[in-house]
């Protein structure tokens, strides 16, 4: 269940930065999480899931 306060925060960020910028940030975060899991936790399986998420986000094309 989504919390209203977090929805408002995300909506505010989208309004300020654009949806495409937020998606780009999410993609970068996913890559960083994957790198951190590999480097510090030796967790290749979860790292691959974060990389997959990054690739999926990268495929989203928005002009807003």
N, C-alpha and C. Protein backbone atom coordinates (compact mmCIF):
# COMPACT_ATOMS: atom_id res chain seq x y z
N UNK A 1 0.85 -1.19 0.00
CA UNK A 1 0.00 0.00 0.00
C UNK A 1 0.89 1.24 0.00
N UNK A 2 0.60 2.16 -0.88
CA UNK A 2 1.41 3.37 -0.99
C UNK A 2 0.98 4.38 0.05
N UNK A 3 1.96 4.99 0.65
CA UNK A 3 1.69 6.01 1.65
C UNK A 3 1.50 7.35 0.96
N UNK A 4 0.46 8.04 1.34
CA UNK A 4 0.10 9.30 0.70
C UNK A 4 1.26 10.30 0.74
N UNK A 5 1.94 10.39 1.87
CA UNK A 5 3.03 11.37 2.00
C UNK A 5 4.16 11.09 1.01
N UNK A 6 4.47 9.82 0.79
CA UNK A 6 5.53 9.48 -0.16
C UNK A 6 5.09 9.76 -1.59
N UNK A 7 3.82 9.48 -1.88
CA UNK A 7 3.29 9.80 -3.21
C UNK A 7 3.41 11.29 -3.48
N UNK A 8 3.12 12.10 -2.50
CA UNK A 8 3.20 13.55 -2.67
C UNK A 8 4.65 13.99 -2.89
N UNK A 9 5.57 13.38 -2.18
CA UNK A 9 6.99 13.69 -2.35
C UNK A 9 7.44 13.34 -3.76
N UNK A 10 7.10 12.14 -4.23
CA UNK A 10 7.49 11.71 -5.56
C UNK A 10 6.84 12.61 -6.61
N UNK A 11 5.58 12.93 -6.43
CA UNK A 11 4.91 13.81 -7.38
C UNK A 11 5.59 15.17 -7.45
N UNK A 12 5.98 15.69 -6.30
CA UNK A 12 6.70 16.96 -6.26
C UNK A 12 8.02 16.89 -7.01
N UNK A 13 8.74 15.78 -6.85
CA UNK A 13 10.00 15.60 -7.57
C UNK A 13 9.78 15.52 -9.08
N UNK A 14 8.74 14.80 -9.48
CA UNK A 14 8.42 14.70 -10.91
C UNK A 14 8.08 16.09 -11.45
N UNK A 15 7.33 16.85 -10.69
CA UNK A 15 6.96 18.21 -11.12
C UNK A 15 8.19 19.09 -11.29
N UNK A 16 9.15 18.94 -10.40
CA UNK A 16 10.35 19.79 -10.44
C UNK A 16 11.37 19.32 -11.46
N UNK A 17 11.50 18.02 -11.63
CA UNK A 17 12.61 17.47 -12.40
C UNK A 17 12.23 16.82 -13.72
N UNK A 18 11.01 16.56 -13.98
CA UNK A 18 10.45 15.82 -15.11
C UNK A 18 10.51 14.31 -14.85
N UNK A 19 9.57 13.62 -15.46
CA UNK A 19 9.49 12.18 -15.31
C UNK A 19 10.71 11.49 -15.90
N UNK A 20 11.17 11.96 -17.04
CA UNK A 20 12.34 11.31 -17.66
C UNK A 20 13.57 11.42 -16.77
N UNK A 21 13.74 12.54 -16.09
CA UNK A 21 14.87 12.71 -15.17
C UNK A 21 14.76 11.76 -13.99
N UNK A 22 13.57 11.61 -13.46
CA UNK A 22 13.35 10.69 -12.33
C UNK A 22 13.66 9.26 -12.77
N UNK A 23 13.22 8.87 -13.96
CA UNK A 23 13.51 7.52 -14.45
C UNK A 23 15.01 7.31 -14.62
N UNK A 24 15.70 8.32 -15.13
CA UNK A 24 17.16 8.22 -15.28
C UNK A 24 17.82 8.05 -13.92
N UNK A 25 17.35 8.78 -12.93
CA UNK A 25 17.89 8.65 -11.57
C UNK A 25 17.64 7.25 -11.03
N UNK A 26 16.44 6.72 -11.24
CA UNK A 26 16.13 5.37 -10.77
C UNK A 26 17.03 4.33 -11.44
N UNK A 27 17.28 4.51 -12.72
CA UNK A 27 18.19 3.61 -13.43
C UNK A 27 19.58 3.63 -12.79
N UNK A 28 20.09 4.83 -12.53
CA UNK A 28 21.41 4.95 -11.91
C UNK A 28 21.44 4.34 -10.52
N UNK A 29 20.38 4.54 -9.76
CA UNK A 29 20.30 3.96 -8.42
C UNK A 29 20.37 2.44 -8.51
N UNK A 30 19.65 1.86 -9.46
CA UNK A 30 19.67 0.40 -9.63
C UNK A 30 21.08 -0.09 -9.94
N UNK A 31 21.78 0.61 -10.83
CA UNK A 31 23.16 0.23 -11.16
C UNK A 31 24.05 0.33 -9.92
N UNK A 32 23.89 1.38 -9.14
CA UNK A 32 24.71 1.55 -7.93
C UNK A 32 24.42 0.45 -6.92
N UNK A 33 23.15 0.09 -6.76
CA UNK A 33 22.80 -0.98 -5.83
C UNK A 33 23.43 -2.30 -6.27
N UNK A 34 23.39 -2.57 -7.57
CA UNK A 34 24.00 -3.80 -8.09
C UNK A 34 25.50 -3.80 -7.80
N UNK A 35 26.15 -2.68 -8.07
CA UNK A 35 27.59 -2.58 -7.82
C UNK A 35 27.92 -2.78 -6.35
N UNK A 36 27.12 -2.18 -5.48
CA UNK A 36 27.33 -2.32 -4.04
C UNK A 36 27.15 -3.77 -3.59
N UNK A 37 26.15 -4.43 -4.12
CA UNK A 37 25.92 -5.83 -3.75
C UNK A 37 27.08 -6.72 -4.18
N UNK A 38 27.62 -6.44 -5.34
CA UNK A 38 28.77 -7.23 -5.83
C UNK A 38 30.02 -6.95 -5.01
N UNK A 39 30.27 -5.68 -4.75
CA UNK A 39 31.51 -5.27 -4.10
C UNK A 39 31.54 -5.62 -2.62
N UNK A 40 30.44 -5.35 -1.92
CA UNK A 40 30.46 -5.46 -0.46
C UNK A 40 29.77 -6.71 0.08
N UNK A 41 28.91 -7.31 -0.71
CA UNK A 41 28.14 -8.44 -0.21
C UNK A 41 28.35 -9.72 -1.02
N UNK A 42 29.08 -9.62 -2.15
CA UNK A 42 29.30 -10.77 -3.01
C UNK A 42 27.97 -11.47 -3.34
N UNK A 43 26.95 -10.67 -3.56
CA UNK A 43 25.61 -11.19 -3.84
C UNK A 43 25.29 -10.97 -5.32
N UNK A 44 25.80 -11.86 -6.15
CA UNK A 44 25.64 -11.72 -7.59
C UNK A 44 24.19 -11.89 -8.03
N UNK A 45 23.46 -12.79 -7.37
CA UNK A 45 22.07 -13.03 -7.77
C UNK A 45 21.21 -11.78 -7.61
N UNK A 46 21.29 -11.14 -6.46
CA UNK A 46 20.50 -9.92 -6.24
C UNK A 46 21.02 -8.78 -7.10
N UNK A 47 22.33 -8.72 -7.29
CA UNK A 47 22.91 -7.70 -8.17
C UNK A 47 22.35 -7.82 -9.58
N UNK A 48 22.19 -9.04 -10.06
CA UNK A 48 21.63 -9.25 -11.40
C UNK A 48 20.19 -8.76 -11.48
N UNK A 49 19.45 -8.93 -10.41
CA UNK A 49 18.07 -8.43 -10.39
C UNK A 49 18.03 -6.90 -10.47
N UNK A 50 18.93 -6.24 -9.76
CA UNK A 50 19.00 -4.77 -9.84
C UNK A 50 19.43 -4.32 -11.22
N UNK A 51 20.37 -5.05 -11.84
CA UNK A 51 20.79 -4.71 -13.20
C UNK A 51 19.63 -4.90 -14.18
N UNK A 52 18.86 -5.96 -13.99
CA UNK A 52 17.69 -6.19 -14.84
C UNK A 52 16.70 -5.04 -14.69
N UNK A 53 16.47 -4.61 -13.47
CA UNK A 53 15.56 -3.48 -13.24
C UNK A 53 16.08 -2.23 -13.94
N UNK A 54 17.39 -2.00 -13.86
CA UNK A 54 17.99 -0.84 -14.53
C UNK A 54 17.75 -0.90 -16.03
N UNK A 55 17.94 -2.07 -16.63
CA UNK A 55 17.72 -2.22 -18.07
C UNK A 55 16.26 -1.99 -18.43
N UNK A 56 15.35 -2.48 -17.60
CA UNK A 56 13.93 -2.30 -17.87
C UNK A 56 13.55 -0.82 -17.79
N UNK A 57 14.06 -0.13 -16.80
CA UNK A 57 13.79 1.30 -16.68
C UNK A 57 14.36 2.05 -17.88
N UNK A 58 15.54 1.64 -18.32
CA UNK A 58 16.19 2.28 -19.47
C UNK A 58 15.33 2.18 -20.73
N UNK A 59 14.55 1.13 -20.83
CA UNK A 59 13.70 0.91 -22.02
C UNK A 59 12.46 1.80 -22.03
N UNK A 60 12.14 2.42 -20.91
CA UNK A 60 10.96 3.28 -20.84
C UNK A 60 11.29 4.61 -21.52
N UNK A 61 10.52 4.95 -22.53
CA UNK A 61 10.74 6.20 -23.24
C UNK A 61 9.59 7.15 -22.95
N UNK A 62 9.90 8.24 -22.30
CA UNK A 62 8.89 9.26 -22.03
C UNK A 62 9.42 10.61 -22.47
N UNK A 63 8.52 11.47 -22.86
CA UNK A 63 8.89 12.81 -23.31
C UNK A 63 8.36 13.87 -22.36
N UNK A 64 8.02 13.48 -21.15
CA UNK A 64 7.50 14.43 -20.18
C UNK A 64 8.33 14.39 -18.91
